[in-house]
Structures are given as structure tokens and as C-alpha cells.
Protein backbone atom coordinates (compact mmCIF):
# COMPACT_ATOMS: atom_id res chain seq x y z
CA MET A 1 -21.37 -15.04 16.45
CA SER A 2 -22.83 -18.63 15.09
CA ARG A 3 -22.51 -22.08 17.62
CA GLU A 4 -20.58 -23.46 14.82
CA LYS A 5 -16.92 -23.94 15.60
CA LEU A 6 -14.91 -21.81 14.51
CA GLN A 7 -11.03 -23.08 13.20
CA ILE A 8 -8.01 -21.16 12.19
CA ARG A 9 -5.60 -22.02 10.08
CA ARG A 10 -2.80 -20.98 7.76
CA ALA A 11 -3.80 -20.69 4.33
CA GLU A 12 -2.47 -22.37 1.57
CA TYR A 13 -1.63 -21.77 -2.21
CA SER A 14 -5.08 -23.53 -3.25
CA ASP A 15 -6.66 -21.19 -0.54
CA ALA A 16 -6.03 -17.71 -2.91
CA PRO A 17 -10.05 -17.74 -4.49
CA GLY A 18 -11.30 -18.28 -1.81
CA TRP A 19 -9.44 -15.72 0.39
CA ASP A 20 -9.64 -13.22 -2.70
CA ASP A 21 -13.71 -13.87 -2.84
CA TYR A 22 -13.85 -13.12 0.99
CA ILE A 23 -11.68 -9.63 0.30
CA ALA A 24 -13.95 -8.75 -2.93
CA ALA A 25 -17.05 -9.06 -0.68
CA ASN A 26 -15.86 -6.72 2.20
CA ARG A 27 -16.54 -3.02 1.52
CA ASP A 28 -13.10 -1.94 2.88
CA GLY A 29 -10.96 -4.53 1.38
CA LEU A 30 -7.99 -3.60 -1.29
CA ALA A 31 -5.43 -4.55 -3.09
CA TYR A 32 -3.02 -5.05 -0.85
CA HIS A 33 -5.62 -7.39 0.60
CA ARG A 34 -5.11 -9.64 -2.13
CA PHE A 35 -3.30 -12.80 -2.22
CA ALA A 36 -1.06 -11.51 -4.89
CA TRP A 37 0.59 -9.35 -1.57
CA LYS A 38 1.59 -12.54 -0.06
CA GLN A 39 2.70 -14.23 -3.67
CA ALA A 40 4.97 -11.33 -5.04
CA ILE A 41 6.59 -10.63 -1.22
CA GLU A 42 7.49 -14.74 -1.39
CA ALA A 43 8.70 -15.25 -4.69
CA SER A 44 10.88 -11.45 -4.88
CA TYR A 45 12.36 -11.17 -1.27
CA GLY A 46 11.60 -15.01 0.08
CA PHE A 47 9.84 -13.64 3.09
CA ASP A 48 7.63 -15.87 4.69
CA CYS A 49 4.00 -14.86 4.67
CA PRO A 50 1.91 -16.51 7.10
CA TYR A 51 -1.75 -15.64 6.29
CA PHE A 52 -4.63 -16.66 8.55
CA LEU A 53 -7.89 -18.10 7.88
CA ALA A 54 -10.83 -18.25 10.29
CA GLU A 55 -13.45 -21.20 9.10
CA GLN A 56 -16.97 -22.20 10.18
CA ASN A 57 -18.79 -24.99 8.19
CA ASN A 58 -16.11 -24.94 5.97
CA ARG A 59 -16.65 -21.11 5.09
CA ILE A 60 -14.07 -18.20 4.95
CA CYS A 61 -15.52 -16.09 8.13
CA GLY A 62 -12.35 -13.91 8.70
CA VAL A 63 -8.82 -13.25 7.32
CA LEU A 64 -5.06 -12.06 9.11
CA PRO A 65 -2.62 -11.84 6.45
CA THR A 66 1.16 -11.31 7.50
CA ALA A 67 4.33 -11.29 6.29
CA HIS A 68 7.63 -12.02 8.33
CA ILE A 69 9.89 -9.43 7.81
CA HIS A 70 13.45 -9.83 9.76
CA PHE A 71 17.38 -9.52 8.80
CA PRO A 72 19.18 -12.78 8.58
CA ILE A 73 20.10 -12.16 12.25
CA ASP A 74 17.17 -11.82 14.28
CA LYS A 75 13.28 -12.58 14.65
CA GLY A 76 12.06 -9.66 13.32
CA GLN A 77 8.52 -8.87 13.41
CA LEU A 78 4.93 -9.75 11.92
CA VAL A 79 3.65 -7.27 9.61
CA SER A 80 0.20 -6.78 8.35
CA LEU A 81 1.29 -5.63 6.00
CA PRO A 82 4.71 -4.21 4.80
CA TYR A 83 5.30 -1.93 1.70
CA CYS A 84 1.97 -0.53 1.93
CA ASP A 85 0.04 1.67 4.20
CA VAL A 86 -2.85 -1.12 4.80
CA GLY A 87 -3.36 -5.05 6.30
CA GLY A 88 -5.13 -5.72 9.27
CA ILE A 89 -8.16 -7.93 10.14
CA PHE A 90 -11.25 -8.98 8.17
CA ALA A 91 -13.65 -10.90 9.99
CA ASN A 92 -17.59 -11.23 10.27
CA HIS A 93 -17.63 -10.70 14.36
CA PRO A 94 -15.22 -9.24 16.65
CA GLU A 95 -14.77 -12.66 18.20
CA ILE A 96 -13.53 -13.96 15.39
CA ALA A 97 -10.69 -10.98 15.27
CA ASP A 98 -10.07 -11.66 18.38
CA ALA A 99 -9.65 -14.90 17.80
CA LEU A 100 -7.75 -14.48 14.48
CA PHE A 101 -5.14 -11.70 16.39
CA ASN A 102 -4.57 -14.53 19.09
CA HIS A 103 -3.98 -17.16 16.77
CA ALA A 104 -1.03 -15.08 15.49
CA CYS A 105 0.38 -14.31 18.77
CA ASP A 106 0.52 -17.64 18.96
CA TYR A 107 2.19 -18.31 16.27
CA ALA A 108 4.48 -15.75 16.79
CA ARG A 109 5.39 -17.28 20.00
CA ALA A 110 6.28 -20.54 18.57
CA HIS A 111 8.48 -18.57 16.41
CA LYS A 112 10.19 -16.28 19.09
CA ILE A 113 9.21 -13.30 17.23
CA ALA A 114 8.40 -11.08 19.58
CA LYS A 115 6.36 -7.72 17.53
CA ILE A 116 3.28 -7.47 15.69
CA GLU A 117 2.33 -4.50 13.97
CA ILE A 118 -1.37 -4.32 12.47
CA ARG A 119 -1.90 -1.51 9.96
CA THR A 120 -6.13 -1.40 10.36
CA PRO A 121 -7.51 0.62 6.76
CA PRO A 122 -9.36 3.28 6.96
CA ALA A 123 -13.24 2.61 5.99
CA VAL A 124 -13.35 3.42 2.25
CA SER A 125 -17.16 2.95 2.60
CA ALA A 126 -17.41 5.51 4.66
CA ALA A 127 -15.35 7.89 2.79
CA SER A 128 -18.39 9.80 1.48
CA ASN A 129 -20.68 9.42 4.63
CA PRO A 130 -18.62 9.88 7.70
CA ASP A 131 -22.02 8.82 9.93
CA LYS A 132 -21.10 5.30 8.39
CA ARG A 133 -19.72 2.95 11.22
CA ASN A 134 -16.66 0.34 10.34
CA THR A 135 -17.66 -2.89 11.83
CA HIS A 136 -15.88 -5.58 10.02
CA LYS A 137 -12.80 -5.61 12.15
CA LYS A 138 -13.69 -4.70 16.10
CA GLY A 139 -12.04 -6.91 18.47
CA PHE A 140 -8.73 -6.31 20.53
CA ALA A 141 -6.55 -5.59 17.47
CA HIS A 142 -9.24 -2.54 16.66
CA ASP A 143 -10.71 -1.14 19.48
CA ASN A 144 -7.20 0.00 21.32
CA PRO A 145 -5.95 3.04 20.24
CA GLY A 146 -2.71 3.37 18.55
CA PRO A 147 0.30 4.67 20.45
CA THR A 148 0.52 8.56 20.30
CA GLY A 149 2.88 9.97 17.55
CA VAL A 150 3.19 11.27 14.14
CA ARG A 151 0.00 10.92 12.61
CA LYS A 152 -0.43 10.08 9.11
CA VAL A 153 -3.36 9.73 6.83
CA ARG A 154 -4.14 8.10 3.75
CA MET A 155 -5.37 10.57 0.61
CA LEU A 156 -8.78 9.20 -0.73
CA LEU A 157 -10.59 11.04 -3.97
CA GLU A 158 -13.97 10.29 -4.34
CA LEU A 159 -14.16 9.67 -8.11
CA GLN A 160 -17.23 11.11 -10.54
CA GLU A 161 -18.62 9.29 -13.40
CA SER A 162 -16.68 9.89 -15.77
CA SER A 163 -13.56 11.40 -16.34
CA ASP A 164 -14.70 14.59 -18.55
CA ALA A 165 -16.68 14.96 -15.30
CA LEU A 166 -13.84 14.48 -12.68
CA LEU A 167 -11.71 17.19 -15.06
CA ALA A 168 -14.77 19.45 -14.87
CA THR A 169 -14.57 19.59 -10.70
CA PHE A 170 -10.75 20.79 -11.25
CA LYS A 171 -9.55 24.59 -10.53
CA SER A 172 -8.83 26.24 -13.77
CA LYS A 173 -5.27 26.06 -12.66
CA LEU A 174 -5.16 22.39 -12.32
CA ARG A 175 -6.91 21.98 -15.38
CA SER A 176 -4.46 23.59 -17.06
CA GLN A 177 -1.21 21.84 -15.44
CA VAL A 178 -2.71 18.55 -16.51
CA LYS A 179 -3.66 20.08 -20.09
CA LYS A 180 -0.11 21.07 -21.14
CA PRO A 181 1.93 18.45 -21.28
CA ALA A 182 -0.59 17.08 -23.97
CA ARG A 183 -0.10 20.45 -25.41
CA GLU A 184 3.81 20.41 -25.44
CA GLY A 185 3.88 16.76 -27.33
CA LEU A 186 4.29 14.45 -23.92
CA PHE A 187 2.15 11.24 -24.07
CA SER A 188 1.25 8.32 -21.82
CA ARG A 189 0.95 4.55 -22.01
CA LEU A 190 -0.68 2.33 -20.11
CA GLY A 191 0.10 -1.74 -19.56
CA GLY A 192 2.03 -4.38 -17.54
CA GLN A 193 5.53 -5.72 -17.65
CA GLU A 194 6.46 -4.87 -20.68
CA LEU A 195 6.95 -0.99 -19.54
CA LEU A 196 8.62 -2.09 -16.39
CA LYS A 197 11.94 -1.39 -18.63
CA ASP A 198 11.10 2.58 -19.08
CA PHE A 199 9.40 2.05 -15.24
CA TYR A 200 12.47 1.28 -13.44
CA PRO A 201 14.83 3.72 -14.30
CA VAL A 202 12.92 6.72 -13.74
CA PHE A 203 11.87 5.34 -10.29
CA ALA A 204 15.45 4.08 -9.29
CA GLU A 205 17.05 7.72 -10.03
CA ASN A 206 13.52 9.50 -8.13
CA MET A 207 14.54 6.80 -5.01
CA ARG A 208 18.02 8.13 -5.33
CA ASP A 209 17.30 11.77 -5.50
CA LEU A 210 14.68 11.58 -2.43
CA GLY A 211 17.77 9.56 -0.65
CA SER A 212 15.39 5.96 -0.22
CA PRO A 213 16.49 2.56 -1.26
CA VAL A 214 14.76 1.41 -4.09
CA HIS A 215 12.92 -1.72 -4.71
CA SER A 216 14.30 -4.39 -6.56
CA LYS A 217 12.89 -4.59 -10.24
CA ASN A 218 12.02 -8.23 -9.78
CA TRP A 219 9.41 -7.37 -6.71
CA LEU A 220 8.15 -5.35 -9.33
CA ARG A 221 7.71 -7.52 -11.83
CA ASN A 222 6.14 -9.72 -9.66
CA VAL A 223 3.76 -7.55 -8.10
CA LEU A 224 2.54 -7.39 -11.91
CA LYS A 225 3.15 -10.77 -12.50
CA HIS A 226 0.76 -12.01 -9.95
CA TYR A 227 -2.13 -9.17 -10.13
CA GLY A 228 -2.42 -9.60 -13.78
CA GLU A 229 -5.01 -7.36 -14.80
CA ASN A 230 -6.01 -6.02 -11.64
CA ALA A 231 -2.34 -4.05 -11.99
CA ARG A 232 -1.29 -1.26 -14.58
CA CYS A 233 2.01 0.13 -15.35
CA GLY A 234 2.28 3.86 -16.61
CA VAL A 235 4.67 5.77 -18.17
CA VAL A 236 4.76 9.47 -19.52
CA TYR A 237 7.41 10.05 -22.34
CA MET A 238 8.94 13.36 -23.78
CA PRO A 239 8.39 13.97 -27.15
CA ASP A 240 11.12 12.22 -28.06
CA GLN A 241 10.11 9.14 -25.98
CA THR A 242 12.45 9.70 -23.07
CA PRO A 243 10.37 8.28 -19.82
CA ALA A 244 9.68 11.18 -17.24
CA ALA A 245 6.92 9.70 -15.09
CA ALA A 246 5.82 6.55 -14.21
CA GLY A 247 3.95 4.71 -11.86
CA ILE A 248 2.14 1.73 -11.05
CA ILE A 249 -1.69 1.42 -9.74
CA LEU A 250 -3.56 -1.95 -8.27
CA CYS A 251 -7.41 -2.15 -9.04
CA HIS A 252 -9.75 -3.79 -6.57
CA ASN A 253 -13.58 -3.61 -6.31
CA HIS A 254 -14.19 -0.07 -6.33
CA VAL A 255 -11.32 1.35 -5.25
CA VAL A 256 -7.52 1.95 -7.41
CA SER A 257 -4.35 2.78 -5.16
CA ILE A 258 -1.05 3.87 -6.09
CA PRO A 259 1.59 2.23 -4.26
CA TRP A 260 4.44 3.47 -6.43
CA ALA A 261 5.17 6.81 -8.38
CA SER A 262 7.99 9.20 -9.86
CA SER A 263 8.98 11.83 -12.14
CA LEU A 264 12.46 12.93 -13.24
CA GLN A 265 13.33 16.32 -11.51
CA ARG A 266 14.86 17.64 -14.70
CA PHE A 267 11.32 17.34 -16.66
CA ASN A 268 9.56 19.02 -13.70
CA ARG A 269 9.01 22.10 -15.88
CA PHE A 270 6.73 20.11 -18.60
CA ASN A 271 4.35 19.07 -15.49
CA PRO A 272 4.99 14.78 -16.47
CA ASN A 273 4.17 13.89 -13.12
CA MET A 274 0.39 15.94 -13.26
CA PHE A 275 -0.31 13.73 -16.81
CA LEU A 276 1.09 10.83 -14.93
CA TYR A 277 -1.45 11.26 -12.07
CA TRP A 278 -4.22 12.08 -14.57
CA THR A 279 -3.56 9.19 -17.18
CA PHE A 280 -4.56 6.86 -14.04
CA LEU A 281 -7.11 8.62 -12.64
CA GLU A 282 -8.85 9.20 -15.92
CA PHE A 283 -8.14 5.31 -16.59
CA ALA A 284 -10.22 4.83 -12.91
CA ALA A 285 -13.00 7.38 -13.72
CA ASP A 286 -13.85 5.96 -16.97
CA LYS A 287 -13.47 1.99 -15.79
CA GLY A 288 -16.41 2.71 -13.37
CA TYR A 289 -14.24 2.68 -10.10
CA ARG A 290 -15.72 4.77 -7.09
CA PHE A 291 -12.62 5.79 -5.73
CA PHE A 292 -8.97 6.73 -6.20
CA ASP A 293 -6.41 5.92 -3.17
CA PHE A 294 -2.91 8.25 -3.36
CA GLY A 295 -1.80 6.73 -0.61
CA ARG A 296 -0.01 8.10 2.70
CA SER A 297 1.01 11.45 3.36
CA THR A 298 2.07 13.51 6.64
CA PRO A 299 -0.67 16.53 6.94
CA GLY A 300 1.05 19.71 6.21
CA GLU A 301 3.75 18.17 4.16
CA GLY A 302 4.53 18.97 0.37
CA THR A 303 2.81 14.80 -0.90
CA TYR A 304 -0.23 15.93 1.17
CA LYS A 305 -0.70 19.25 -0.68
CA PHE A 306 -0.11 17.59 -3.63
CA LYS A 307 -2.82 15.54 -3.27
CA ALA A 308 -5.02 17.53 -1.72
CA GLN A 309 -5.09 20.22 -4.75
CA TRP A 310 -6.76 17.14 -6.92
CA GLY A 311 -9.91 16.80 -4.03
CA ALA A 312 -8.18 13.88 -2.00
CA LYS A 313 -9.50 13.75 1.28
CA PRO A 314 -7.19 12.30 4.41
CA GLN A 315 -8.35 9.35 6.54
CA PRO A 316 -6.07 8.46 9.73
CA LEU A 317 -4.19 5.90 9.38
CA ASN A 318 -4.18 3.15 12.82
CA TRP A 319 -1.55 1.66 12.89
CA GLN A 320 -0.81 -0.75 15.70
CA ARG A 321 2.49 -2.57 17.20
CA TRP A 322 2.19 -5.49 20.04
CA MET A 323 4.89 -6.61 22.02
CA ILE A 324 4.61 -10.46 22.30
CA SER A 325 5.89 -12.44 25.32
CA ASN A 326 6.15 -15.69 25.95
CA LYS A 327 3.27 -15.67 28.65
CA LYS A 328 0.64 -14.83 26.70
CA GLU A 329 0.86 -11.79 27.45
CA VAL A 330 0.45 -9.01 24.62
CA GLN A 331 1.47 -5.12 25.38
CA ALA A 332 0.85 -2.34 23.04
CA SER A 333 4.39 -0.97 22.34
CA SER A 334 5.02 2.94 23.03
CA GLU A 335 7.22 3.08 20.37
CA PRO A 336 5.07 4.74 17.73
CA ALA A 337 4.40 2.54 14.51
CA VAL A 338 4.75 5.67 12.32
CA SER A 339 7.69 8.24 12.72
CA SER A 340 8.59 11.16 11.27
CA SER A 341 11.81 11.52 9.50
CA GLY A 342 14.63 13.05 11.36
CA GLY A 343 18.11 12.01 12.92
CA THR A 344 19.93 9.06 11.32
CA ARG A 345 17.01 8.76 8.90
CA ASP A 346 18.29 12.41 7.77
CA VAL A 347 22.10 11.32 7.50
CA ALA A 348 20.88 8.06 5.75
CA GLU A 349 19.19 10.10 2.79
CA GLN A 350 21.83 12.87 2.22
CA ILE A 351 24.21 9.85 1.86
CA ILE A 352 22.05 7.86 -0.75
CA SER A 353 21.20 11.13 -2.24
CA LYS A 354 24.70 11.98 -2.89
CA THR A 355 25.72 7.90 -4.39
CA PRO A 356 26.28 7.65 -7.90
CA LEU A 357 22.77 6.18 -9.28
CA PRO A 358 24.38 2.56 -10.24
CA VAL A 359 25.48 2.09 -7.03
CA ALA A 360 22.36 3.47 -5.20
CA THR A 361 20.09 1.25 -7.37
CA PHE A 362 22.40 -1.84 -6.52
CA LEU A 363 22.34 -1.38 -2.80
CA GLY A 364 18.97 -0.17 -2.29
CA SER A 365 17.30 -2.95 -4.43
CA ARG A 366 19.67 -5.26 -1.53
CA LEU A 367 18.22 -3.60 1.79
CA ARG A 368 14.67 -2.05 0.45
CA LYS A 369 13.21 -5.63 1.61
CA TYR A 370 13.74 -5.00 5.17
CA ILE A 371 11.92 -2.04 5.62
CA THR A 372 8.73 -2.39 6.17
CA LEU A 373 7.05 1.37 4.96
């Protein structure tokens, strides 16, 4: 590491261009790491998001984005990052990564926050070359393995040079499922905030059917607003223009990520969900992106198999939770940072799925901000 004095401070909004440039220069940065994620959280849900910058010679040499997620009556935890699969430390050197982590721990102590959760991303750069090693975030928060428990993976597809070339790699059954909706009159649109009015009813109904609290419409509006041209909302319509499936993608460098996608069960026989994903994959391949990030799944479950059929490969997610004491001590939590559904959650899902849609949407959109997954 350089002998230049290392300074760590909290990022200001004026640091956004430099922050995004640093993430863009990192081969494993994703759209979630951009400053827009902080802007959307603070504007929509009101949580404070301390983003930490490490500098040497007035140049950024490391970053750690966090959000302070908490109920009104407790101190909650620092999460890097909530509402997505990844966050973590990006640094030029392991010692800088350590310094950033320790600075975040000091911040947590000062604000009486007892937990820090870091969702270290797999190396996108090694997706097509398993022998490549990820070195950009070695250090305290990276070298210690997370607690054992249910393993989650991120499903990543390496794209072809065009959508035609990508389509040619699919099995005949998958190609048929992709082409069938258009033959039956379904069509899709890609856009921005103007499509939110069609996206949100599909999203809210699907989340209700799954028994999951739905994000607020304001959150999604702010994501689309702050990401601008780096975000696309996609909607698949039935021939009569009824929205049947919808999703949002975020673009960054060579990776397109899809944090939210939904379809309505009553239209399943028309394959609108397949058409939606193909719309996004077609866009990504033809725009020259190298990878499509399908997001988090549990190996062997339905969503894993759905993503695998497109050719997506699993990458283990390393989520770590740390307990912060007032004695300058930091201890890895024995509580799994990624847990499976079961028990109380299964009961809650049953209750939500049977709740009338307007009620589920009203309650879910007010509770969802406290759920970091």
C-alpha cells in the first residue's frame, strides 16, 4: 500500500460522480453499488445511508456503502446493502478494506448499532474463468468465512454477442416458450417511470400471492428516477393491453441485473414471464452487455431451475453478519445471514397470501422497508 496518508470519511452527495467512477472502474461493481441506491433509499424510506470513502492523495482508493435499517424503537443494523444481493467493500488494497471495515465498526459503536451485515459479491470477472482470483476486497471482512447455513447463490448468465446468437444457444423447448407469446399476440414495452403504472399492479398482486410484503411504489419510482438511463422498466401485455408480467432491470458497465420481476398466475399458460425475461435478455445482448444477473436463488428450488434453464450458472453468495461491542471487539455472528423460509415466515406467508389485495398492498408497502432482503 502507498505511504500516502489514508483518510476515511463519510461520502457527501457531491461525491456521487467520483464514487460512481470508482465503482465503474472496478471489474466486479454492479448497479447496486452506484450512489443512486443510497439516493433512492433515503428519498423513499427515510433511512440514513452512511457511505464511507477511503482517500489517498485526494483520490478515492476504497468504498463501503451501508444503510442503517431499523424499526423506530431500536437501533437495527448497518447493511451493505439492503433490498439486493450484494454490497460490500471495494478497495485498492487489503489494508484499505480493513480500515474501511473498522471505520464502519467505529461508526456503529458511536450510534449504538450492534450489527453489521456485509453481502460480499462474487467476482463477476471470474464467471467465465474460474481460475481468476478476486483480489479487490481482501481483508478483515472478506477473509473470514460467513456462518454456515442455507447457501444462496447468484445466478449469472454469460451473454452472446447478439440476441440472435443467444437464442441459438437455447434448447428447442426454451426457444418455443420464448416465441409462443408473440405468436399469440402478446407484446412488450421497455421504458422508464411512465410504465410504473402498469408495472406496479402486477408486482403488488404477485407479491401478495407469494405471501411477501410489497415494496412501496415510491421506492420503485425513486429507483427509476435516480438510475435514469441505467434503469429500464419492462411490461408484457396481453393482446387487449392488459399487463401480464413486469420487471425492472438495472445496468452497469458489462452487467445487467434484475432485482424485480413478476407475472400474474391467471396468464401463466401464455408464458408472459418467459417473454418478459427474453425481452430483457434481448435488450442486454444487443446493447453489448456481457452478463445477465438473474439474482438470488436457493439451489434446487423452483426459481433456481427457472434461471438455470437459460444457461445461468450459480455463484455462491457470501453474506456475513458481525456483532459490534463497546469494547472495540468485533465478533462473527453465529446467526446465518441467509436463512431459509420456515416456521413463522411460512405462517406469515399464508396470512398475507389470503389477504385482500388492497389491504396487502397498503400494509406491505409500509412494512417492506424494514425487511433487508
